[in-house]
PDB file of N, CA and C in Angstrom:
ATOM      1  N   MET A   1     -15.439 -19.927   5.488  1.00  0.00           N
ATOM      2  CA  MET A   1     -16.143 -19.320   4.376  1.00  0.00           C
ATOM      3  C   MET A   1     -16.595 -17.902   4.715  1.00  0.00           C
ATOM      4  N   ASP A   2     -16.937 -17.646   5.963  1.00  0.00           N
ATOM      5  CA  ASP A   2     -17.387 -16.308   6.362  1.00  0.00           C
ATOM      6  C   ASP A   2     -16.282 -15.271   6.242  1.00  0.00           C
ATOM      7  N   GLN A   3     -15.021 -15.694   6.432  1.00  0.00           N
ATOM      8  CA  GLN A   3     -13.923 -14.754   6.306  1.00  0.00           C
ATOM      9  C   GLN A   3     -13.744 -14.302   4.859  1.00  0.00           C
ATOM     10  N   ILE A   4     -13.995 -15.198   3.925  1.00  0.00           N
ATOM     11  CA  ILE A   4     -13.868 -14.840   2.511  1.00  0.00           C
ATOM     12  C   ILE A   4     -14.963 -13.856   2.124  1.00  0.00           C
ATOM     13  N   VAL A   5     -16.168 -14.061   2.624  1.00  0.00           N
ATOM     14  CA  VAL A   5     -17.272 -13.147   2.328  1.00  0.00           C
ATOM     15  C   VAL A   5     -16.972 -11.762   2.884  1.00  0.00           C
ATOM     16  N   LEU A   6     -16.276 -11.706   3.995  1.00  0.00           N
ATOM     17  CA  LEU A   6     -15.909 -10.429   4.596  1.00  0.00           C
ATOM     18  C   LEU A   6     -15.004  -9.615   3.674  1.00  0.00           C
ATOM     19  N   LEU A   7     -14.165 -10.287   2.903  1.00  0.00           N
ATOM     20  CA  LEU A   7     -13.276  -9.593   1.972  1.00  0.00           C
ATOM     21  C   LEU A   7     -14.025  -8.957   0.801  1.00  0.00           C
ATOM     22  N   LEU A   8     -15.278  -9.290   0.639  1.00  0.00           N
ATOM     23  CA  LEU A   8     -16.070  -8.743  -0.462  1.00  0.00           C
ATOM     24  C   LEU A   8     -16.870  -7.510  -0.046  1.00  0.00           C
ATOM     25  N   GLU A   9     -16.751  -7.079   1.193  1.00  0.00           N
ATOM     26  CA  GLU A   9     -17.493  -5.922   1.704  1.00  0.00           C
ATOM     27  C   GLU A   9     -16.656  -4.661   1.569  1.00  0.00           C
ATOM     28  N   TRP A  10     -17.294  -3.569   1.178  1.00  0.00           N
ATOM     29  CA  TRP A  10     -16.571  -2.308   0.982  1.00  0.00           C
ATOM     30  C   TRP A  10     -16.034  -1.772   2.296  1.00  0.00           C
ATOM     31  N   TRP A  11     -16.788  -1.920   3.378  1.00  0.00           N
ATOM     32  CA  TRP A  11     -16.354  -1.354   4.653  1.00  0.00           C
ATOM     33  C   TRP A  11     -15.124  -2.080   5.207  1.00  0.00           C
ATOM     34  N   PHE A  12     -14.956  -3.351   4.875  1.00  0.00           N
ATOM     35  CA  PHE A  12     -13.772  -4.078   5.305  1.00  0.00           C
ATOM     36  C   PHE A  12     -12.511  -3.465   4.695  1.00  0.00           C
ATOM     37  N   TRP A  13     -12.580  -3.156   3.404  1.00  0.00           N
ATOM     38  CA  TRP A  13     -11.441  -2.532   2.731  1.00  0.00           C
ATOM     39  C   TRP A  13     -11.199  -1.123   3.269  1.00  0.00           C
ATOM     40  N   GLY A  14     -12.277  -0.422   3.625  1.00  0.00           N
ATOM     41  CA  GLY A  14     -12.128   0.909   4.211  1.00  0.00           C
ATOM     42  C   GLY A  14     -11.435   0.872   5.573  1.00  0.00           C
ATOM     43  N   VAL A  15     -11.843  -0.085   6.401  1.00  0.00           N
ATOM     44  CA  VAL A  15     -11.207  -0.249   7.714  1.00  0.00           C
ATOM     45  C   VAL A  15      -9.745  -0.663   7.542  1.00  0.00           C
ATOM     46  N   ALA A  16      -9.488  -1.537   6.571  1.00  0.00           N
ATOM     47  CA  ALA A  16      -8.103  -1.936   6.304  1.00  0.00           C
ATOM     48  C   ALA A  16      -7.260  -0.730   5.886  1.00  0.00           C
ATOM     49  N   ALA A  17      -7.832   0.158   5.078  1.00  0.00           N
ATOM     50  CA  ALA A  17      -7.105   1.360   4.660  1.00  0.00           C
ATOM     51  C   ALA A  17      -6.781   2.247   5.860  1.00  0.00           C
ATOM     52  N   VAL A  18      -7.730   2.415   6.756  1.00  0.00           N
ATOM     53  CA  VAL A  18      -7.499   3.251   7.945  1.00  0.00           C
ATOM     54  C   VAL A  18      -6.437   2.621   8.845  1.00  0.00           C
ATOM     55  N   ILE A  19      -6.490   1.317   9.024  1.00  0.00           N
ATOM     56  CA  ILE A  19      -5.488   0.639   9.848  1.00  0.00           C
ATOM     57  C   ILE A  19      -4.100   0.768   9.223  1.00  0.00           C
ATOM     58  N   LEU A  20      -4.020   0.616   7.912  1.00  0.00           N
ATOM     59  CA  LEU A  20      -2.734   0.755   7.238  1.00  0.00           C
ATOM     60  C   LEU A  20      -2.206   2.186   7.330  1.00  0.00           C
ATOM     61  N   LEU A  21      -3.102   3.163   7.262  1.00  0.00           N
ATOM     62  CA  LEU A  21      -2.674   4.554   7.448  1.00  0.00           C
ATOM     63  C   LEU A  21      -2.149   4.782   8.862  1.00  0.00           C
ATOM     64  N   ALA A  22      -2.818   4.178   9.848  1.00  0.00           N
ATOM     65  CA  ALA A  22      -2.353   4.306  11.235  1.00  0.00           C
ATOM     66  C   ALA A  22      -0.994   3.637  11.413  1.00  0.00           C
ATOM     67  N   LEU A  23      -0.783   2.492  10.773  1.00  0.00           N
ATOM     68  CA  LEU A  23       0.523   1.834  10.855  1.00  0.00           C
ATOM     69  C   LEU A  23       1.620   2.681  10.231  1.00  0.00           C
ATOM     70  N   GLU A  24       1.262   3.416   9.191  1.00  0.00           N
ATOM     71  CA  GLU A  24       2.252   4.272   8.525  1.00  0.00           C
ATOM     72  C   GLU A  24       2.779   5.355   9.457  1.00  0.00           C
ATOM     73  N   ILE A  25       1.973   5.773  10.392  1.00  0.00           N
ATOM     74  CA  ILE A  25       2.404   6.788  11.350  1.00  0.00           C
ATOM     75  C   ILE A  25       3.552   6.256  12.205  1.00  0.00           C
ATOM     76  N   PHE A  26       3.501   4.978  12.544  1.00  0.00           N
ATOM     77  CA  PHE A  26       4.506   4.389  13.424  1.00  0.00           C
ATOM     78  C   PHE A  26       5.719   3.837  12.685  1.00  0.00           C
ATOM     79  N   VAL A  27       5.593   3.604  11.392  1.00  0.00           N
ATOM     80  CA  VAL A  27       6.694   3.039  10.611  1.00  0.00           C
ATOM     81  C   VAL A  27       7.106   4.059   9.559  1.00  0.00           C
ATOM     82  N   ALA A  28       8.337   4.467   9.604  1.00  0.00           N
ATOM     83  CA  ALA A  28       8.809   5.467   8.645  1.00  0.00           C
ATOM     84  C   ALA A  28       9.133   4.813   7.303  1.00  0.00           C
ATOM     85  N   GLY A  29       9.056   5.592   6.246  1.00  0.00           N
ATOM     86  CA  GLY A  29       9.513   5.111   4.961  1.00  0.00           C
ATOM     87  C   GLY A  29       8.440   4.831   3.936  1.00  0.00           C
ATOM     88  N   PHE A  30       7.229   5.251   4.154  1.00  0.00           N
ATOM     89  CA  PHE A  30       6.140   5.070   3.197  1.00  0.00           C
ATOM     90  C   PHE A  30       5.934   3.599   2.837  1.00  0.00           C
ATOM     91  N   ILE A  31       5.984   2.738   3.825  1.00  0.00           N
ATOM     92  CA  ILE A  31       5.829   1.303   3.579  1.00  0.00           C
ATOM     93  C   ILE A  31       4.356   0.933   3.436  1.00  0.00           C
ATOM     94  N   PHE A  32       3.519   1.377   4.351  1.00  0.00           N
ATOM     95  CA  PHE A  32       2.119   0.979   4.352  1.00  0.00           C
ATOM     96  C   PHE A  32       1.215   1.942   3.591  1.00  0.00           C
ATOM     97  N   LEU A  33       1.726   3.080   3.217  1.00  0.00           N
ATOM     98  CA  LEU A  33       0.903   4.096   2.565  1.00  0.00           C
ATOM     99  C   LEU A  33       0.391   3.634   1.206  1.00  0.00           C
ATOM    100  N   GLY A  34       1.210   2.948   0.440  1.00  0.00           N
ATOM    101  CA  GLY A  34       0.778   2.421  -0.849  1.00  0.00           C
ATOM    102  C   GLY A  34      -0.321   1.382  -0.702  1.00  0.00           C
ATOM    103  N   PHE A  35      -0.184   0.526   0.301  1.00  0.00           N
ATOM    104  CA  PHE A  35      -1.218  -0.472   0.556  1.00  0.00           C
ATOM    105  C   PHE A  35      -2.515   0.187   1.013  1.00  0.00           C
ATOM    106  N   ALA A  36      -2.402   1.230   1.816  1.00  0.00           N
ATOM    107  CA  ALA A  36      -3.594   1.953   2.259  1.00  0.00           C
ATOM    108  C   ALA A  36      -4.302   2.603   1.079  1.00  0.00           C
ATOM    109  N   PHE A  37      -3.532   3.157   0.149  1.00  0.00           N
ATOM    110  CA  PHE A  37      -4.112   3.749  -1.045  1.00  0.00           C
ATOM    111  C   PHE A  37      -4.863   2.694  -1.855  1.00  0.00           C
ATOM    112  N   GLY A  38      -4.250   1.540  -2.062  1.00  0.00           N
ATOM    113  CA  GLY A  38      -4.899   0.461  -2.809  1.00  0.00           C
ATOM    114  C   GLY A  38      -6.175  -0.012  -2.139  1.00  0.00           C
ATOM    115  N   ALA A  39      -6.148  -0.167  -0.818  1.00  0.00           N
ATOM    116  CA  ALA A  39      -7.334  -0.610  -0.082  1.00  0.00           C
ATOM    117  C   ALA A  39      -8.437   0.435  -0.139  1.00  0.00           C
ATOM    118  N   ALA A  40      -8.079   1.708  -0.064  1.00  0.00           N
ATOM    119  CA  ALA A  40      -9.090   2.770  -0.120  1.00  0.00           C
ATOM    120  C   ALA A  40      -9.764   2.823  -1.491  1.00  0.00           C
ATOM    121  N   ILE A  41      -8.993   2.650  -2.547  1.00  0.00           N
ATOM    122  CA  ILE A  41      -9.575   2.656  -3.895  1.00  0.00           C
ATOM    123  C   ILE A  41     -10.494   1.452  -4.087  1.00  0.00           C
ATOM    124  N   VAL A  42     -10.083   0.285  -3.622  1.00  0.00           N
ATOM    125  CA  VAL A  42     -10.936  -0.904  -3.725  1.00  0.00           C
ATOM    126  C   VAL A  42     -12.218  -0.698  -2.922  1.00  0.00           C
ATOM    127  N   ALA A  43     -12.126  -0.083  -1.745  1.00  0.00           N
ATOM    128  CA  ALA A  43     -13.318   0.201  -0.950  1.00  0.00           C
ATOM    129  C   ALA A  43     -14.264   1.127  -1.704  1.00  0.00           C
ATOM    130  N   GLY A  44     -13.704   2.151  -2.342  1.00  0.00           N
ATOM    131  CA  GLY A  44     -14.534   3.069  -3.121  1.00  0.00           C
ATOM    132  C   GLY A  44     -15.187   2.394  -4.313  1.00  0.00           C
ATOM    133  N   LEU A  45     -14.434   1.556  -5.003  1.00  0.00           N
ATOM    134  CA  LEU A  45     -14.994   0.847  -6.156  1.00  0.00           C
ATOM    135  C   LEU A  45     -16.117  -0.097  -5.737  1.00  0.00           C
ATOM    136  N   LEU A  46     -15.948  -0.771  -4.605  1.00  0.00           N
ATOM    137  CA  LEU A  46     -17.008  -1.641  -4.104  1.00  0.00           C
ATOM    138  C   LEU A  46     -18.214  -0.850  -3.625  1.00  0.00           C
ATOM    139  N   PHE A  47     -17.965   0.283  -2.967  1.00  0.00           N
ATOM    140  CA  PHE A  47     -19.052   1.099  -2.444  1.00  0.00           C
ATOM    141  C   PHE A  47     -19.955   1.603  -3.560  1.00  0.00           C
ATOM    142  N   PHE A  48     -19.349   2.067  -4.643  1.00  0.00           N
ATOM    143  CA  PHE A  48     -20.136   2.591  -5.750  1.00  0.00           C
ATOM    144  C   PHE A  48     -20.622   1.494  -6.695  1.00  0.00           C
ATOM    145  N   GLY A  49     -20.208   0.252  -6.473  1.00  0.00           N
ATOM    146  CA  GLY A  49     -20.656  -0.859  -7.287  1.00  0.00           C
ATOM    147  C   GLY A  49     -20.044  -0.903  -8.664  1.00  0.00           C
ATOM    148  N   TRP A  50     -18.876  -0.327  -8.831  1.00  0.00           N
ATOM    149  CA  TRP A  50     -18.225  -0.263 -10.138  1.00  0.00           C
ATOM    150  C   TRP A  50     -17.474  -1.538 -10.471  1.00  0.00           C
ATOM    151  N   ILE A  51     -17.227  -2.382  -9.477  1.00  0.00           N
ATOM    152  CA  ILE A  51     -16.607  -3.673  -9.745  1.00  0.00           C
ATOM    153  C   ILE A  51     -17.446  -4.745  -9.079  1.00  0.00           C
ATOM    154  N   GLY A  52     -17.339  -5.956  -9.574  1.00  0.00           N
ATOM    155  CA  GLY A  52     -18.090  -7.073  -9.024  1.00  0.00           C
ATOM    156  C   GLY A  52     -17.473  -7.575  -7.732  1.00  0.00           C
ATOM    157  N   THR A  53     -17.984  -8.681  -7.286  1.00  0.00           N
ATOM    158  CA  THR A  53     -17.523  -9.240  -6.018  1.00  0.00           C
ATOM    159  C   THR A  53     -16.707 -10.504  -6.246  1.00  0.00           C
ATOM    160  N   ASN A  54     -15.842 -10.476  -7.233  1.00  0.00           N
ATOM    161  CA  ASN A  54     -14.923 -11.576  -7.482  1.00  0.00           C
ATOM    162  C   ASN A  54     -13.647 -11.300  -6.689  1.00  0.00           C
ATOM    163  N   LEU A  55     -13.323 -12.192  -5.769  1.00  0.00           N
ATOM    164  CA  LEU A  55     -12.191 -11.964  -4.873  1.00  0.00           C
ATOM    165  C   LEU A  55     -10.866 -11.871  -5.622  1.00  0.00           C
ATOM    166  N   ALA A  56     -10.709 -12.657  -6.675  1.00  0.00           N
ATOM    167  CA  ALA A  56      -9.462 -12.606  -7.450  1.00  0.00           C
ATOM    168  C   ALA A  56      -9.293 -11.251  -8.132  1.00  0.00           C
ATOM    169  N   VAL A  57     -10.379 -10.699  -8.652  1.00  0.00           N
ATOM    170  CA  VAL A  57     -10.315  -9.383  -9.292  1.00  0.00           C
ATOM    171  C   VAL A  57     -10.006  -8.305  -8.252  1.00  0.00           C
ATOM    172  N   LEU A  58     -10.632  -8.397  -7.088  1.00  0.00           N
ATOM    173  CA  LEU A  58     -10.366  -7.420  -6.018  1.00  0.00           C
ATOM    174  C   LEU A  58      -8.900  -7.466  -5.592  1.00  0.00           C
ATOM    175  N   ALA A  59      -8.370  -8.673  -5.430  1.00  0.00           N
ATOM    176  CA  ALA A  59      -6.970  -8.808  -5.025  1.00  0.00           C
ATOM    177  C   ALA A  59      -6.036  -8.256  -6.102  1.00  0.00           C
ATOM    178  N   LEU A  60      -6.364  -8.505  -7.363  1.00  0.00           N
ATOM    179  CA  LEU A  60      -5.532  -8.000  -8.452  1.00  0.00           C
ATOM    180  C   LEU A  60      -5.564  -6.473  -8.505  1.00  0.00           C
ATOM    181  N   ILE A  61      -6.742  -5.896  -8.377  1.00  0.00           N
ATOM    182  CA  ILE A  61      -6.862  -4.432  -8.382  1.00  0.00           C
ATOM    183  C   ILE A  61      -6.106  -3.832  -7.200  1.00  0.00           C
ATOM    184  N   PHE A  62      -6.256  -4.445  -6.031  1.00  0.00           N
ATOM    185  CA  PHE A  62      -5.543  -3.975  -4.840  1.00  0.00           C
ATOM    186  C   PHE A  62      -4.029  -4.030  -5.050  1.00  0.00           C
ATOM    187  N   ALA A  63      -3.535  -5.126  -5.592  1.00  0.00           N
ATOM    188  CA  ALA A  63      -2.094  -5.280  -5.794  1.00  0.00           C
ATOM    189  C   ALA A  63      -1.561  -4.281  -6.811  1.00  0.00           C
ATOM    190  N   VAL A  64      -2.259  -4.130  -7.921  1.00  0.00           N
ATOM    191  CA  VAL A  64      -1.795  -3.221  -8.972  1.00  0.00           C
ATOM    192  C   VAL A  64      -1.818  -1.775  -8.482  1.00  0.00           C
ATOM    193  N   LEU A  65      -2.907  -1.366  -7.834  1.00  0.00           N
ATOM    194  CA  LEU A  65      -2.993   0.010  -7.344  1.00  0.00           C
ATOM    195  C   LEU A  65      -1.977   0.291  -6.239  1.00  0.00           C
ATOM    196  N   SER A  66      -1.734  -0.693  -5.394  1.00  0.00           N
ATOM    197  CA  SER A  66      -0.730  -0.518  -4.338  1.00  0.00           C
ATOM    198  C   SER A  66       0.663  -0.355  -4.933  1.00  0.00           C
ATOM    199  N   MET A  67       0.965  -1.130  -5.965  1.00  0.00           N
ATOM    200  CA  MET A  67       2.273  -1.016  -6.610  1.00  0.00           C
ATOM    201  C   MET A  67       2.418   0.323  -7.325  1.00  0.00           C
ATOM    202  N   ILE A  68       1.378   0.771  -7.995  1.00  0.00           N
ATOM    203  CA  ILE A  68       1.431   2.074  -8.662  1.00  0.00           C
ATOM    204  C   ILE A  68       1.621   3.186  -7.636  1.00  0.00           C
ATOM    205  N   ALA A  69       0.902   3.103  -6.521  1.00  0.00           N
ATOM    206  CA  ALA A  69       1.035   4.120  -5.472  1.00  0.00           C
ATOM    207  C   ALA A  69       2.442   4.101  -4.882  1.00  0.00           C
ATOM    208  N   TRP A  70       2.970   2.912  -4.631  1.00  0.00           N
ATOM    209  CA  TRP A  70       4.321   2.821  -4.075  1.00  0.00           C
ATOM    210  C   TRP A  70       5.340   3.403  -5.047  1.00  0.00           C
ATOM    211  N   TYR A  71       5.221   3.052  -6.311  1.00  0.00           N
ATOM    212  CA  TYR A  71       6.162   3.565  -7.303  1.00  0.00           C
ATOM    213  C   TYR A  71       6.058   5.090  -7.426  1.00  0.00           C
ATOM    214  N   GLY A  72       4.837   5.603  -7.394  1.00  0.00           N
ATOM    215  CA  GLY A  72       4.655   7.054  -7.461  1.00  0.00           C
ATOM    216  C   GLY A  72       5.267   7.759  -6.266  1.00  0.00           C
ATOM    217  N   MET A  73       5.060   7.214  -5.082  1.00  0.00           N
ATOM    218  CA  MET A  73       5.661   7.820  -3.890  1.00  0.00           C
ATOM    219  C   MET A  73       7.175   7.692  -3.905  1.00  0.00           C
ATOM    220  N   ARG A  74       7.678   6.627  -4.473  1.00  0.00           N
ATOM    221  CA  ARG A  74       9.128   6.464  -4.582  1.00  0.00           C
ATOM    222  C   ARG A  74       9.709   7.537  -5.488  1.00  0.00           C
ATOM    223  N   GLN A  75       8.988   7.863  -6.555  1.00  0.00           N
ATOM    224  CA  GLN A  75       9.447   8.910  -7.456  1.00  0.00           C
ATOM    225  C   GLN A  75       9.372  10.288  -6.797  1.00  0.00           C
ATOM    226  N   ILE A  76       8.342  10.510  -5.991  1.00  0.00           N
ATOM    227  CA  ILE A  76       8.152  11.817  -5.355  1.00  0.00           C
ATOM    228  C   ILE A  76       9.040  11.979  -4.128  1.00  0.00           C
ATOM    229  N   PHE A  77       9.040  10.986  -3.238  1.00  0.00           N
ATOM    230  CA  PHE A  77       9.728  11.113  -1.955  1.00  0.00           C
ATOM    231  C   PHE A  77      11.069  10.393  -1.909  1.00  0.00           C
ATOM    232  N   GLY A  78      11.442   9.702  -2.963  1.00  0.00           N
ATOM    233  CA  GLY A  78      12.677   8.913  -2.964  1.00  0.00           C
ATOM    234  C   GLY A  78      13.917   9.781  -3.069  1.00  0.00           C
ATOM    235  N   VAL A  79      15.012   9.161  -3.440  1.00  0.00           N
ATOM    236  CA  VAL A  79      16.279   9.864  -3.587  1.00  0.00           C
ATOM    237  C   VAL A  79      16.156  10.861  -4.738  1.00  0.00           C
ATOM    238  N   ARG A  80      16.510  12.087  -4.482  1.00  0.00           N
ATOM    239  CA  ARG A  80      16.435  13.146  -5.488  1.00  0.00           C
ATOM    240  C   ARG A  80      17.591  13.044  -6.467  1.00  0.00           C
ATOM    241  N   LYS A  81      17.411  13.630  -7.635  1.00  0.00           N
ATOM    242  CA  LYS A  81      18.491  13.650  -8.628  1.00  0.00           C
ATOM    243  C   LYS A  81      19.659  14.452  -8.073  1.00  0.00           C
ATOM    244  N   GLY A  82      20.847  13.908  -8.234  1.00  0.00           N
ATOM    245  CA  GLY A  82      22.023  14.573  -7.727  1.00  0.00           C
ATOM    246  C   GLY A  82      22.337  14.222  -6.281  1.00  0.00           C
ATOM    247  N   GLN A  83      21.401  13.619  -5.593  1.00  0.00           N
ATOM    248  CA  GLN A  83      21.626  13.232  -4.206  1.00  0.00           C
ATOM    249  C   GLN A  83      22.223  11.828  -4.192  1.00  0.00           C
ATOM    250  N   VAL A  84      23.369  11.690  -3.597  1.00  0.00           N
ATOM    251  CA  VAL A  84      24.066  10.416  -3.579  1.00  0.00           C
ATOM    252  C   VAL A  84      24.277  10.001  -2.138  1.00  0.00           C
ATOM    253  N   LYS A  85      24.025   8.734  -1.855  1.00  0.00           N
ATOM    254  CA  LYS A  85      24.318   8.221  -0.529  1.00  0.00           C
ATOM    255  C   LYS A  85      25.791   7.848  -0.469  1.00  0.00           C
ATOM    256  N   VAL A  86      26.478   8.326   0.537  1.00  0.00           N
ATOM    257  CA  VAL A  86      27.893   8.050   0.710  1.00  0.00           C
ATOM    258  C   VAL A  86      28.046   7.160   1.938  1.00  0.00           C
ATOM    259  N   TRP A  87      28.718   6.034   1.740  1.00  0.00           N
ATOM    260  CA  TRP A  87      28.958   5.110   2.835  1.00  0.00           C
ATOM    261  C   TRP A  87      30.390   5.309   3.318  1.00  0.00           C
ATOM    262  N   ASP A  88      30.536   5.655   4.585  1.00  0.00           N
ATOM    263  CA  ASP A  88      31.860   5.868   5.168  1.00  0.00           C
ATOM    264  C   ASP A  88      32.484   4.577   5.664  1.00  0.00           C
ATOM    265  N   LYS A  89      31.654   3.612   5.960  1.00  0.00           N
ATOM    266  CA  LYS A  89      32.135   2.407   6.602  1.00  0.00           C
ATOM    267  C   LYS A  89      31.401   1.209   6.013  1.00  0.00           C
ATOM    268  N   ASP A  90      32.147   0.124   5.815  1.00  0.00           N
ATOM    269  CA  ASP A  90      31.557  -1.107   5.316  1.00  0.00           C
ATOM    270  C   ASP A  90      31.100  -1.940   6.493  1.00  0.00           C
ATOM    271  N   ILE A  91      30.054  -2.711   6.307  1.00  0.00           N
ATOM    272  CA  ILE A  91      29.535  -3.538   7.373  1.00  0.00           C
ATOM    273  C   ILE A  91      30.536  -4.633   7.768  1.00  0.00           C
ATOM    274  N   ASN A  92      31.416  -4.989   6.845  1.00  0.00           N
ATOM    275  CA  ASN A  92      32.390  -6.043   7.116  1.00  0.00           C
ATOM    276  C   ASN A  92      33.678  -5.539   7.734  1.00  0.00           C
ATOM    277  N   ASP A  93      33.841  -4.228   7.869  1.00  0.00           N
ATOM    278  CA  ASP A  93      35.035  -3.664   8.501  1.00  0.00           C
ATOM    279  C   ASP A  93      35.006  -3.958   9.984  1.00  0.00           C
ATOM    280  N   ASP A  94      36.196  -4.233  10.521  1.00  0.00           N
ATOM    281  CA  ASP A  94      36.293  -4.437  11.978  1.00  0.00           C
ATOM    282  C   ASP A  94      36.194  -3.109  12.673  1.00  0.00           C
ATOM    283  N   VAL A  95      35.614  -3.138  13.844  1.00  0.00           N
ATOM    284  CA  VAL A  95      35.415  -1.915  14.603  1.00  0.00           C
ATOM    285  C   VAL A  95      36.631  -1.481  15.300  1.00  0.00           C
TER     286      VAL A  95
END
């Protein structure tokens, strides 16, 4: 039960955001950055008291914001218009 109460604290979400940002440094591809953005926003909302302490609502807000952040970064940093990936070799071709 104490672990669930920990998820309702603003500083927990803030620490999670920092850890996810640190993981992003080691993993290329903007994988953890969207999750860090979602965790940081949830931490801010909890800090200012703009949302209640319902764990289901926090998880939903975190998931939605993380998906929006990921989609936005995909649009900004993803494959550019006119840029095409060309595959020279198929994975099933013999070497």
